[in-house]
Protein backbone atom coordinates (compact mmCIF):
# COMPACT_ATOMS: atom_id res chain seq x y z
CA UNK A 1 26.34 53.31 67.02
CA UNK A 2 28.94 56.05 67.54
CA UNK A 3 31.52 53.41 68.47
CA UNK A 4 30.75 51.53 65.24
CA UNK A 5 31.03 54.68 63.13
CA UNK A 6 34.36 55.76 64.61
CA UNK A 7 35.92 52.28 64.53
CA UNK A 8 34.46 50.86 61.34
CA UNK A 9 37.89 50.26 59.70
CA UNK A 10 39.42 48.06 62.44
CA UNK A 11 36.08 46.25 62.82
CA UNK A 12 36.08 45.40 59.10
CA UNK A 13 39.67 44.14 59.24
CA UNK A 14 39.10 42.01 62.36
CA UNK A 15 35.88 40.57 60.92
CA UNK A 16 37.75 39.50 57.80
CA UNK A 17 40.49 37.85 59.91
CA UNK A 18 37.87 35.99 61.98
CA UNK A 19 36.17 34.66 58.84
CA UNK A 20 39.52 33.39 57.55
CA UNK A 21 40.36 31.71 60.86
CA UNK A 22 36.98 30.01 60.90
CA UNK A 23 37.95 28.36 57.63
CA UNK A 24 35.72 30.17 55.17
CA UNK A 25 37.23 30.21 51.64
CA UNK A 26 39.52 33.21 51.25
CA UNK A 27 38.01 34.71 48.09
CA UNK A 28 34.46 34.52 49.46
CA UNK A 29 35.51 35.72 52.93
CA UNK A 30 37.03 38.85 51.42
CA UNK A 31 34.10 39.52 49.09
CA UNK A 32 31.46 38.84 51.77
CA UNK A 33 33.18 41.16 54.26
CA UNK A 34 33.37 43.90 51.67
CA UNK A 35 29.73 43.60 50.60
CA UNK A 36 28.26 43.27 54.12
CA UNK A 37 30.17 46.19 55.58
CA UNK A 38 29.59 48.19 52.43
CA UNK A 39 25.83 47.92 53.08
CA UNK A 40 26.41 48.73 56.76
CA UNK A 41 28.43 51.80 55.77
CA UNK A 42 25.63 52.96 53.47
CA UNK A 43 23.08 52.58 56.28
CA UNK A 44 25.31 54.56 58.67
CA UNK A 45 25.80 57.32 56.10
CA UNK A 46 29.54 56.68 55.79
CA UNK A 47 29.33 55.55 52.17
CA UNK A 48 27.27 56.59 49.17
CA UNK A 49 24.88 54.06 47.56
CA UNK A 50 26.72 54.64 44.28
CA UNK A 51 29.85 53.03 45.76
CA UNK A 52 29.09 49.58 44.38
CA UNK A 53 28.78 50.99 40.88
CA UNK A 54 32.58 51.07 40.85
CA UNK A 55 32.77 47.27 41.29
CA UNK A 56 32.49 46.35 37.58
CA UNK A 57 35.41 48.64 36.71
CA UNK A 58 37.57 47.23 39.53
CA UNK A 59 36.85 43.64 38.52
CA UNK A 60 37.49 44.47 34.87
CA UNK A 61 40.84 45.86 35.97
CA UNK A 62 41.71 42.38 37.24
CA UNK A 63 40.59 40.72 34.01
CA UNK A 64 42.56 43.14 31.81
CA UNK A 65 45.80 43.00 33.82
CA UNK A 66 48.50 41.81 31.41
CA UNK A 67 50.99 41.17 34.22
CA UNK A 68 48.88 38.35 35.63
CA UNK A 69 49.08 36.50 32.31
CA UNK A 70 52.55 35.36 33.35
CA UNK A 71 51.04 33.18 36.10
CA UNK A 72 49.39 30.54 33.85
CA UNK A 73 52.42 30.48 31.53
CA UNK A 74 54.95 29.82 34.30
CA UNK A 75 52.61 27.37 36.03
CA UNK A 76 52.10 25.40 32.82
CA UNK A 77 55.84 25.40 32.13
CA UNK A 78 56.58 24.07 35.62
CA UNK A 79 53.98 21.32 35.47
CA UNK A 80 55.14 20.12 32.04
CA UNK A 81 58.77 19.98 33.18
CA UNK A 82 57.92 18.24 36.45
CA UNK A 83 55.75 15.59 34.81
CA UNK A 84 58.11 14.99 31.90
CA UNK A 85 60.71 13.49 34.23
CA UNK A 86 63.18 16.37 34.38
CA UNK A 87 63.29 16.36 38.19
CA UNK A 88 63.91 12.61 38.26
CA UNK A 89 66.82 12.84 35.80
CA UNK A 90 68.35 15.80 37.62
CA UNK A 91 68.16 14.16 41.04
CA UNK A 92 69.65 10.90 39.79
CA UNK A 93 72.52 12.58 37.94
CA UNK A 94 73.40 15.18 40.59
CA UNK A 95 73.05 12.52 43.29
CA UNK A 96 75.65 10.41 41.49
CA UNK A 97 77.88 13.45 41.05
CA UNK A 98 77.86 14.36 44.75
CA UNK A 99 77.54 10.77 45.94
CA UNK A 100 81.16 10.28 47.13
CA UNK A 101 80.86 13.37 49.38
CA UNK A 102 79.42 13.10 52.88
CA UNK A 103 75.95 14.66 52.71
CA UNK A 104 76.07 14.40 48.93
CA UNK A 105 72.40 13.47 48.50
CA UNK A 106 71.37 16.48 50.58
CA UNK A 107 73.56 18.74 48.44
CA UNK A 108 71.98 17.22 45.35
CA UNK A 109 68.48 17.92 46.70
CA UNK A 110 69.35 21.57 47.41
CA UNK A 111 70.97 22.04 44.00
CA UNK A 112 68.08 20.41 42.15
CA UNK A 113 65.61 22.42 44.28
CA UNK A 114 67.28 25.62 43.08
CA UNK A 115 67.21 24.36 39.48
CA UNK A 116 63.53 23.44 39.70
CA UNK A 117 62.80 26.81 41.31
CA UNK A 118 64.46 28.61 38.40
CA UNK A 119 62.50 26.57 35.84
CA UNK A 120 59.15 25.71 37.43
CA UNK A 121 58.42 28.40 40.03
CA UNK A 122 55.87 26.05 41.67
CA UNK A 123 56.51 24.89 45.25
CA UNK A 124 54.11 21.96 45.18
CA UNK A 125 55.69 20.44 42.07
CA UNK A 126 59.21 20.73 43.50
CA UNK A 127 58.41 19.29 46.94
CA UNK A 128 56.33 16.39 45.65
CA UNK A 129 58.88 15.47 42.96
CA UNK A 130 61.83 15.43 45.33
CA UNK A 131 59.80 13.74 48.05
CA UNK A 132 58.85 10.88 45.75
CA UNK A 133 62.32 10.43 44.28
CA UNK A 134 64.89 11.45 46.91
CA UNK A 135 63.33 10.69 50.28
CA UNK A 136 63.25 6.86 49.88
CA UNK A 137 66.86 6.87 48.60
CA UNK A 138 68.08 9.08 51.45
CA UNK A 139 66.38 6.88 54.03
CA UNK A 140 67.76 3.72 52.37
CA UNK A 141 71.33 4.93 52.75
CA UNK A 142 71.01 5.97 56.39
CA UNK A 143 70.07 9.65 56.37
CA UNK A 144 68.39 11.04 59.47
CA UNK A 145 64.62 11.27 58.92
CA UNK A 146 64.38 14.83 60.21
CA UNK A 147 67.30 16.07 58.15
CA UNK A 148 66.09 14.35 54.98
CA UNK A 149 62.50 15.62 55.25
CA UNK A 150 63.62 19.12 56.26
CA UNK A 151 66.05 19.58 53.38
CA UNK A 152 63.48 18.37 50.83
CA UNK A 153 60.73 20.68 52.12
CA UNK A 154 63.09 23.67 52.38
CA UNK A 155 64.62 23.14 48.93
CA UNK A 156 61.16 22.96 47.40
CA UNK A 157 60.27 26.35 48.87
CA UNK A 158 63.15 27.98 46.96
CA UNK A 159 60.61 28.24 44.15
CA UNK A 160 59.02 30.96 46.31
CA UNK A 161 61.92 33.42 45.99
CA UNK A 162 64.08 32.38 43.01
CA UNK A 163 62.69 33.81 39.72
CA UNK A 164 60.37 33.02 37.98
CA UNK A 165 58.45 32.88 41.26
CA UNK A 166 54.69 33.32 41.15
CA UNK A 167 54.66 35.31 44.39
CA UNK A 168 57.08 37.85 42.91
CA UNK A 169 54.68 38.42 40.01
CA UNK A 170 51.82 39.06 42.42
CA UNK A 171 54.06 41.17 44.67
CA UNK A 172 55.07 43.38 41.75
CA UNK A 173 51.43 43.77 40.71
CA UNK A 174 50.27 44.70 44.22
CA UNK A 175 53.13 47.17 44.77
CA UNK A 176 52.81 48.72 41.33
CA UNK A 177 56.35 47.84 40.24
CA UNK A 178 57.92 46.02 37.29
CA UNK A 179 58.03 42.24 37.44
CA UNK A 180 61.41 42.33 35.70
CA UNK A 181 62.84 44.58 38.42
CA UNK A 182 61.38 42.32 41.10
CA UNK A 183 63.06 39.33 39.45
CA UNK A 184 66.39 41.15 39.28
CA UNK A 185 66.11 42.14 42.93
CA UNK A 186 65.33 38.59 44.10
CA UNK A 187 68.04 36.89 42.05
CA UNK A 188 70.95 37.28 44.48
CA UNK A 189 68.97 36.76 47.74
CA UNK A 190 67.54 33.53 46.32
CA UNK A 191 70.95 32.03 45.72
CA UNK A 192 72.35 33.40 48.99
CA UNK A 193 69.56 31.51 50.74
CA UNK A 194 70.55 28.40 48.77
CA UNK A 195 74.11 28.89 50.01
CA UNK A 196 72.87 29.09 53.61
CA UNK A 197 71.10 25.75 53.17
CA UNK A 198 74.35 24.24 51.86
CA UNK A 199 76.25 25.73 54.82
CA UNK A 200 73.81 24.12 57.24
CA UNK A 201 74.31 20.69 55.64
CA UNK A 202 78.09 21.13 55.84
CA UNK A 203 77.73 21.97 59.53
CA UNK A 204 75.57 18.88 60.10
CA UNK A 205 78.11 16.63 58.37
CA UNK A 206 80.80 17.99 60.67
CA UNK A 207 78.80 17.74 63.91
CA UNK A 208 76.63 14.69 63.15
CA UNK A 209 78.36 12.76 60.32
CA UNK A 210 76.10 9.72 60.84
CA UNK A 211 73.05 11.80 59.83
CA UNK A 212 74.30 12.36 56.26
CA UNK A 213 76.62 9.57 55.05
CA UNK A 214 78.20 9.33 51.62
CA UNK A 215 76.85 6.91 49.05
CA UNK A 216 78.50 3.48 49.19
CA UNK A 217 80.64 2.48 46.21
CA UNK A 218 78.07 -0.05 44.94
CA UNK A 219 75.42 2.70 44.70
CA UNK A 220 77.49 4.83 42.30
CA UNK A 221 76.31 3.45 38.98
CA UNK A 222 77.71 6.07 36.59
CA UNK A 223 81.29 4.86 36.27
CA UNK A 224 83.83 4.16 33.55
CA UNK A 225 84.50 0.56 32.37
CA UNK A 226 87.74 0.59 34.36
CA UNK A 227 85.87 1.60 37.53
CA UNK A 228 86.95 5.24 37.60
CA UNK A 229 84.46 7.98 38.41
CA UNK A 230 85.13 10.12 35.34
CA UNK A 231 85.19 13.34 37.36
CA UNK A 232 88.51 14.43 35.84
CA UNK A 233 86.93 14.59 32.39
CA UNK A 234 84.05 16.64 33.81
CA UNK A 235 86.50 19.03 35.46
CA UNK A 236 88.32 19.56 32.15
CA UNK A 237 85.02 20.25 30.38
CA UNK A 238 84.04 22.79 33.04
CA UNK A 239 87.46 24.48 32.75
CA UNK A 240 87.09 24.73 28.96
CA UNK A 241 83.58 26.19 29.33
CA UNK A 242 84.86 28.80 31.81
CA UNK A 243 87.72 29.70 29.48
CA UNK A 244 85.28 30.08 26.58
CA UNK A 245 83.03 32.29 28.69
CA UNK A 246 85.96 34.54 29.71
CA UNK A 247 87.11 34.80 26.10
CA UNK A 248 83.59 35.70 24.99
CA UNK A 249 83.40 38.39 27.66
CA UNK A 250 86.68 39.98 26.51
CA UNK A 251 85.65 39.84 22.87
CA UNK A 252 82.01 40.89 23.06
CA UNK A 253 82.30 43.56 25.76
CA UNK A 254 85.67 45.02 24.72
CA UNK A 255 83.96 48.14 23.38
CA UNK A 256 81.07 48.10 25.87
CA UNK A 257 82.55 49.11 29.23
CA UNK A 258 79.23 50.52 30.46
CA UNK A 259 77.16 47.38 29.78
CA UNK A 260 74.81 46.46 32.67
CA UNK A 261 76.12 43.84 35.08
CA UNK A 262 73.08 41.58 34.77
CA UNK A 263 73.43 41.56 30.98
CA UNK A 264 77.09 40.54 31.27
CA UNK A 265 76.28 37.72 33.71
CA UNK A 266 73.52 36.31 31.50
CA UNK A 267 75.47 36.53 28.25
CA UNK A 268 78.74 35.18 29.65
CA UNK A 269 77.12 32.25 31.47
CA UNK A 270 75.02 31.40 28.42
CA UNK A 271 78.10 31.39 26.18
CA UNK A 272 79.98 29.01 28.48
CA UNK A 273 77.03 26.64 28.83
CA UNK A 274 76.38 26.55 25.08
CA UNK A 275 80.09 25.91 24.40
CA UNK A 276 80.13 22.95 26.82
CA UNK A 277 76.95 21.51 25.29
CA UNK A 278 78.34 21.78 21.75
CA UNK A 279 81.58 20.07 22.79
CA UNK A 280 79.67 17.19 24.39
CA UNK A 281 77.34 16.93 21.39
CA UNK A 282 80.24 16.81 18.90
CA UNK A 283 82.00 14.22 21.06
CA UNK A 284 78.91 12.02 21.10
CA UNK A 285 77.96 12.36 17.43
CA UNK A 286 81.50 11.76 16.13
CA UNK A 287 82.20 9.12 18.81
CA UNK A 288 85.50 10.71 19.71
CA UNK A 289 85.40 9.30 23.24
CA UNK A 290 87.13 12.21 24.97
CA UNK A 291 84.44 12.65 27.63
CA UNK A 292 83.57 10.21 30.40
CA UNK A 293 80.09 8.84 31.04
CA UNK A 294 79.75 11.20 34.03
CA UNK A 295 80.70 14.25 31.94
CA UNK A 296 78.23 13.36 29.18
CA UNK A 297 75.43 12.54 31.63
CA UNK A 298 75.85 15.79 33.55
CA UNK A 299 76.04 17.81 30.34
CA UNK A 300 72.98 16.38 28.62
CA UNK A 301 70.84 16.36 31.78
CA UNK A 302 71.91 19.67 33.32
CA UNK A 303 72.36 21.99 30.35
CA UNK A 304 68.87 21.84 28.72
CA UNK A 305 67.18 23.19 31.89
CA UNK A 306 69.95 25.82 32.15
CA UNK A 307 69.29 26.89 28.56
CA UNK A 308 65.60 27.12 29.38
CA UNK A 309 66.46 29.36 32.36
CA UNK A 310 68.53 31.59 30.08
CA UNK A 311 65.69 31.65 27.55
CA UNK A 312 63.19 32.83 30.16
CA UNK A 313 65.11 34.89 32.72
CA UNK A 314 67.86 35.96 30.33
CA UNK A 315 65.45 37.58 27.88
CA UNK A 316 63.67 39.31 30.77
CA UNK A 317 66.90 40.62 32.31
CA UNK A 318 68.20 41.78 28.92
CA UNK A 319 64.96 43.65 28.24
CA UNK A 320 64.20 41.58 25.15
CA UNK A 321 60.94 40.14 26.54
CA UNK A 322 58.40 41.06 29.19
CA UNK A 323 57.72 38.50 31.95
CA UNK A 324 54.53 37.48 30.15
CA UNK A 325 56.42 36.91 26.90
CA UNK A 326 59.20 35.14 28.80
CA UNK A 327 56.63 32.83 30.37
CA UNK A 328 55.16 32.05 26.97
CA UNK A 329 58.62 31.19 25.61
CA UNK A 330 59.29 29.07 28.71
CA UNK A 331 56.06 27.12 28.21
CA UNK A 332 56.99 26.52 24.57
CA UNK A 333 60.50 25.44 25.60
CA UNK A 334 59.07 23.04 28.19
CA UNK A 335 56.86 21.43 25.55
CA UNK A 336 59.89 21.03 23.24
CA UNK A 337 61.93 19.43 26.04
CA UNK A 338 59.07 17.04 26.83
CA UNK A 339 58.85 16.06 23.16
CA UNK A 340 62.62 15.46 23.01
CA UNK A 341 62.38 13.24 26.09
CA UNK A 342 59.46 11.39 24.44
CA UNK A 343 57.36 12.06 27.54
CA UNK A 344 54.66 14.31 26.04
CA UNK A 345 51.26 12.71 25.44
CA UNK A 346 47.63 13.79 25.60
CA UNK A 347 47.22 12.65 29.21
CA UNK A 348 50.17 14.71 30.49
CA UNK A 349 49.07 17.72 28.47
CA UNK A 350 45.50 17.50 29.78
CA UNK A 351 46.63 17.16 33.39
CA UNK A 352 48.97 20.15 33.08
CA UNK A 353 46.27 22.30 31.49
CA UNK A 354 43.68 21.35 34.14
CA UNK A 355 46.07 22.11 37.01
CA UNK A 356 47.07 25.40 35.40
CA UNK A 357 43.43 26.41 34.95
CA UNK A 358 42.62 25.56 38.58
CA UNK A 359 45.55 27.53 40.02
CA UNK A 360 44.90 30.52 37.75
CA UNK A 361 41.21 30.55 38.67
CA UNK A 362 42.19 30.30 42.34
CA UNK A 363 44.45 33.37 42.03
CA UNK A 364 41.92 35.41 40.07
CA UNK A 365 39.07 34.62 42.48
CA UNK A 366 41.17 35.73 45.44
CA UNK A 367 42.13 38.91 43.61
CA UNK A 368 38.49 39.68 42.76
CA UNK A 369 37.51 39.13 46.40
CA UNK A 370 40.37 41.37 47.51
CA UNK A 371 39.14 44.12 45.15
CA UNK A 372 35.64 43.93 46.64
CA UNK A 373 37.06 44.08 50.17
CA UNK A 374 39.41 46.97 49.39
CA UNK A 375 36.58 48.98 47.80
CA UNK A 376 34.73 49.11 51.12
CA UNK A 377 37.86 49.27 53.27
CA UNK A 378 39.28 52.22 51.35
CA UNK A 379 35.83 53.81 51.21
CA UNK A 380 35.76 54.12 55.01
CA UNK A 381 39.40 55.38 54.99
CA UNK A 382 40.74 52.09 56.29
CA UNK A 383 44.05 52.72 54.50
CA UNK A 384 44.47 55.93 56.49
CA UNK A 385 43.85 54.01 59.72
CA UNK A 386 46.59 51.53 58.74
CA UNK A 387 48.93 54.38 57.78
CA UNK A 388 48.43 56.21 61.08
CA UNK A 389 48.88 52.94 62.95
CA UNK A 390 52.20 52.12 61.26
CA UNK A 391 53.62 55.62 60.76
CA UNK A 392 53.34 56.36 64.48
CA UNK A 393 55.54 53.39 65.39
CA UNK A 394 58.77 54.33 67.21
CA UNK A 395 62.02 53.89 65.35
CA UNK A 396 61.00 55.15 61.90
CA UNK A 397 61.94 52.78 59.10
CA UNK A 398 63.63 50.26 61.40
CA UNK A 399 60.65 50.10 63.77
CA UNK A 400 58.28 49.73 60.82
CA UNK A 401 60.34 46.89 59.30
CA UNK A 402 60.60 45.03 62.61
CA UNK A 403 56.86 45.21 63.29
CA UNK A 404 55.89 44.34 59.70
CA UNK A 405 58.20 41.31 59.54
CA UNK A 406 56.96 40.01 62.89
CA UNK A 407 53.36 40.52 61.73
CA UNK A 408 53.92 38.71 58.41
CA UNK A 409 55.81 35.91 60.16
CA UNK A 410 52.91 35.34 62.59
CA UNK A 411 50.22 35.62 59.92
CA UNK A 412 52.13 33.03 57.86
CA UNK A 413 51.19 30.44 60.48
CA UNK A 414 47.58 30.70 59.26
CA UNK A 415 47.66 32.24 55.75
CA UNK A 416 49.55 31.23 52.64
CA UNK A 417 51.52 33.61 50.44
CA UNK A 418 48.62 34.28 48.03
CA UNK A 419 46.41 35.48 50.86
CA UNK A 420 49.19 37.54 52.42
CA UNK A 421 50.00 39.13 49.06
CA UNK A 422 46.43 40.15 48.33
CA UNK A 423 45.40 41.20 51.85
CA UNK A 424 48.44 42.55 53.69
CA UNK A 425 50.80 43.84 50.98
CA UNK A 426 48.39 46.48 49.52
CA UNK A 427 48.04 47.95 53.03
CA UNK A 428 51.78 47.96 53.78
CA UNK A 429 53.06 49.23 50.42
CA UNK A 430 51.83 52.86 50.66
CA UNK A 431 53.19 53.18 54.21
CA UNK A 432 56.60 51.85 53.14
CA UNK A 433 56.68 54.31 50.25
CA UNK A 434 55.87 57.24 52.56
CA UNK A 435 58.75 56.18 54.81
CA UNK A 436 61.11 56.31 51.84
CA UNK A 437 61.56 52.54 51.49
CA UNK A 438 62.30 51.20 48.02
CA UNK A 439 59.30 49.05 47.07
CA UNK A 440 61.33 46.54 45.06
CA UNK A 441 63.53 45.90 48.08
CA UNK A 442 60.46 45.81 50.32
CA UNK A 443 58.74 43.29 48.04
CA UNK A 444 61.74 40.96 48.00
CA UNK A 445 62.04 41.24 51.79
CA UNK A 446 58.38 40.27 52.22
CA UNK A 447 58.85 37.44 49.69
CA UNK A 448 61.67 35.95 51.76
CA UNK A 449 59.55 36.30 54.89
CA UNK A 450 56.47 34.78 53.27
CA UNK A 451 58.57 31.80 52.25
CA UNK A 452 58.31 30.68 55.87
CA UNK A 453 54.55 30.26 55.36
CA UNK A 454 55.34 26.99 53.55
CA UNK A 455 57.53 25.73 56.40
CA UNK A 456 55.63 26.76 59.53
CA UNK A 457 54.39 23.87 61.63
CA UNK A 458 51.57 22.99 61.84
CA UNK A 459 50.03 24.56 58.69
CA UNK A 460 52.98 24.78 56.28
CA UNK A 461 51.87 23.61 52.86
CA UNK A 462 55.31 22.22 51.96
CA UNK A 463 55.04 19.98 55.03
CA UNK A 464 51.61 18.78 53.88
CA UNK A 465 52.93 18.12 50.36
CA UNK A 466 55.80 16.09 51.77
CA UNK A 467 53.55 14.22 54.20
CA UNK A 468 51.34 13.13 51.30
CA UNK A 469 54.24 11.34 49.55
CA UNK A 470 56.49 10.36 52.48
CA UNK A 471 56.63 6.68 53.49
CA UNK A 472 54.87 5.54 56.65
CA UNK A 473 58.19 5.19 58.48
CA UNK A 474 58.54 9.00 58.46
CA UNK A 475 56.30 10.42 61.15
CA UNK A 476 54.63 13.82 60.92
CA UNK A 477 56.63 15.01 63.94
CA UNK A 478 59.84 14.12 62.05
CA UNK A 479 58.78 16.39 59.18
CA UNK A 480 57.84 19.22 61.57
CA UNK A 481 61.08 19.06 63.56
CA UNK A 482 63.11 18.76 60.37
CA UNK A 483 61.61 22.03 59.11
CA UNK A 484 62.50 24.07 62.22
CA UNK A 485 66.23 24.67 61.42
CA UNK A 486 65.36 25.84 57.92
CA UNK A 487 62.71 28.24 59.25
CA UNK A 488 65.46 29.70 61.44
CA UNK A 489 67.71 30.02 58.36
CA UNK A 490 64.95 31.87 56.52
CA UNK A 491 64.54 34.28 59.45
CA UNK A 492 68.31 34.86 59.36
CA UNK A 493 67.96 35.59 55.64
CA UNK A 494 65.34 38.25 56.40
CA UNK A 495 67.85 39.91 58.72
CA UNK A 496 70.58 39.74 56.05
CA UNK A 497 68.35 41.45 53.48
CA UNK A 498 67.66 44.24 56.00
CA UNK A 499 71.32 44.65 56.98
CA UNK A 500 72.67 44.34 53.42
CA UNK A 501 70.06 45.96 51.12
CA UNK A 502 72.61 45.99 48.29
CA UNK A 503 71.87 42.30 47.71
CA UNK A 504 68.58 43.44 46.19
CA UNK A 505 69.35 46.88 44.80
CA UNK A 506 72.73 46.23 43.17
CA UNK A 507 71.19 44.59 40.14
CA UNK A 508 68.56 47.26 39.56
CA UNK A 509 68.85 50.13 37.11
CA UNK A 510 69.97 53.30 38.83
CA UNK A 511 67.38 56.04 39.00
CA UNK A 512 68.43 59.40 37.61
CA UNK A 513 66.86 62.34 39.42
CA UNK A 514 66.52 65.43 37.24
CA UNK A 515 65.67 68.84 38.70
CA UNK A 516 63.67 70.48 35.92
CA UNK A 517 64.18 73.95 37.45
CA UNK A 518 67.96 73.63 37.00
CA UNK A 519 67.92 72.41 33.40
CA UNK A 520 70.00 74.75 31.20
CA UNK A 521 70.41 74.57 27.43
CA UNK A 522 73.65 75.99 26.07
CA UNK A 523 73.82 76.87 22.37
CA UNK A 524 77.33 77.24 20.83
CA UNK A 525 78.24 80.78 19.70
CA UNK A 526 79.01 79.71 16.13
CA UNK A 527 75.42 78.48 15.84
CA UNK A 528 74.15 81.77 17.25
CA UNK A 529 76.05 83.61 14.47
CA UNK A 530 74.74 81.36 11.71
CA UNK A 531 72.45 83.25 9.29
CA UNK A 532 69.75 80.62 9.28
CA UNK A 533 69.37 80.81 13.07
CA UNK A 534 69.39 84.65 13.25
CA UNK A 535 65.82 85.94 12.91
CA UNK A 536 65.45 89.14 10.89
CA UNK A 537 64.49 92.29 12.82
CA UNK A 538 60.79 92.98 12.98
CA UNK A 539 61.05 96.33 11.22
CA UNK A 540 63.05 94.82 8.31
CA UNK A 541 60.73 91.90 7.64
CA UNK A 542 59.35 92.08 4.14
CA UNK A 543 55.92 90.84 3.13
CA UNK A 544 55.65 87.59 1.25
CA UNK A 545 55.97 88.01 -2.53
CA UNK A 546 52.64 87.03 -4.11
CA UNK A 547 52.36 85.12 -7.37
CA UNK A 548 52.90 87.21 -10.50
CA UNK A 549 49.25 87.21 -11.56
CA UNK A 550 48.08 88.73 -8.30
CA UNK A 551 48.70 92.42 -7.77
CA UNK A 552 50.80 93.24 -4.72
CA UNK A 553 48.84 94.38 -1.67
CA UNK A 554 48.86 97.95 -0.54
CA UNK A 555 51.40 98.88 2.18
CA UNK A 556 48.65 99.79 4.64
CA UNK A 557 47.00 96.43 4.20
CA UNK A 558 50.31 94.71 4.65
CA UNK A 559 51.02 96.53 7.87
CA UNK A 560 47.61 95.58 9.20
């Protein structure tokens, strides 16, 4: 009994882990552990019977959390875009654009994966879409099975770290930080990781060129009547868009030298994209014929999703909209794009709404279970046990980061990012804050690490998604081995975020520390001499003059 009393916190934590490993549903495993050990703690005298009276307030806190409203909006937006054929059009167009280059289809998959991540934020939708569309084409033109499956699974997981990622919303909520700041912090690391994927494909094309051949000439269908590719026209259009963006930057920010960097990036890129779209639209409507088929196809397929990204992330970065409002605008924009593509019908809308409701209910149930578990765990001072365990690690911040990243990496073999976010992050956040670690940076670091949970053999969900749509010629071992190099790249990315924290913090607003004790207010001397600011001496102050019909008070009464 004494052993149980003195070690109740680690026993609760281990019991919860065992229930998860057995396969019990996560939400019910958390809630059951909290309730059972709450009753045990009451019997042992460690907890008061009134403890469970706090449960309604904690669950109501989940229901009234405005931040979590962004989850159904972004999920709905992603599902509408994925099922309206946007991924198919993007993959076909970008595949044709990069087709003449060795490894071009792989580059197209990575680029489209980043685009889908910035518009959908849903890993399952990205992996399944690219698996259905790209994998058969890549295999048809001689791509290595492992490379093809690995690049599709890895590109789909970019939705985990590139805003508007669902895990970043949950991470911000659990760490008590702004979702907008978390998005700003993850923006650069997300695209650096995309660049690492591209670098790996370039390396493969140099070492194993037979694994990633270029598209044959007969497969390049977007060509001019004279057989030319039309890339020169596209290059001219891009150059004009860049020139327009530079001109806009000089004109709009000429008198705003202190404008935030993220605002400049959003506004300048949006101006260039809109200029290119208007040029292509005018060329098509007036039938001028200055642009090639490739230039028009790339413009009309690529720019609408880019405008949607600017609508959602741009308004968040500029401070015009909250993430919840940005998600609502994104969902509306996705519906408009589906209508313009003539893909929106009642069946698609019903499927998207059902999937959104299921995922949202899944998240909320896990969060409710986590609240029940944390009520008991915090009641027996479990958070203090975790703090003592991690604060006593050798090496200070570095030792803490090494242990935490190894722990999250190993837990990702068995738990997905929702479970890690609701179970592990609330325990690690207070310790990181006590060690002086910026929680935005810490959240992005954990987000990059948790991304490996989708790629870990044998339980990576991205691998399961791809297996469900891959042809029979692709074996499960091919998918597993294809994922290994990209898991290594993600681990390298974790190290880069630790070594170069500026990737996360450079886009954040600088904190201004003010020492209240040293605040001094200086009043100019000319204001001190002004008559209206000089109070009359106490002995010269005259009593108020009463109305004429009231006799003046006696001097003694006035003095009193």
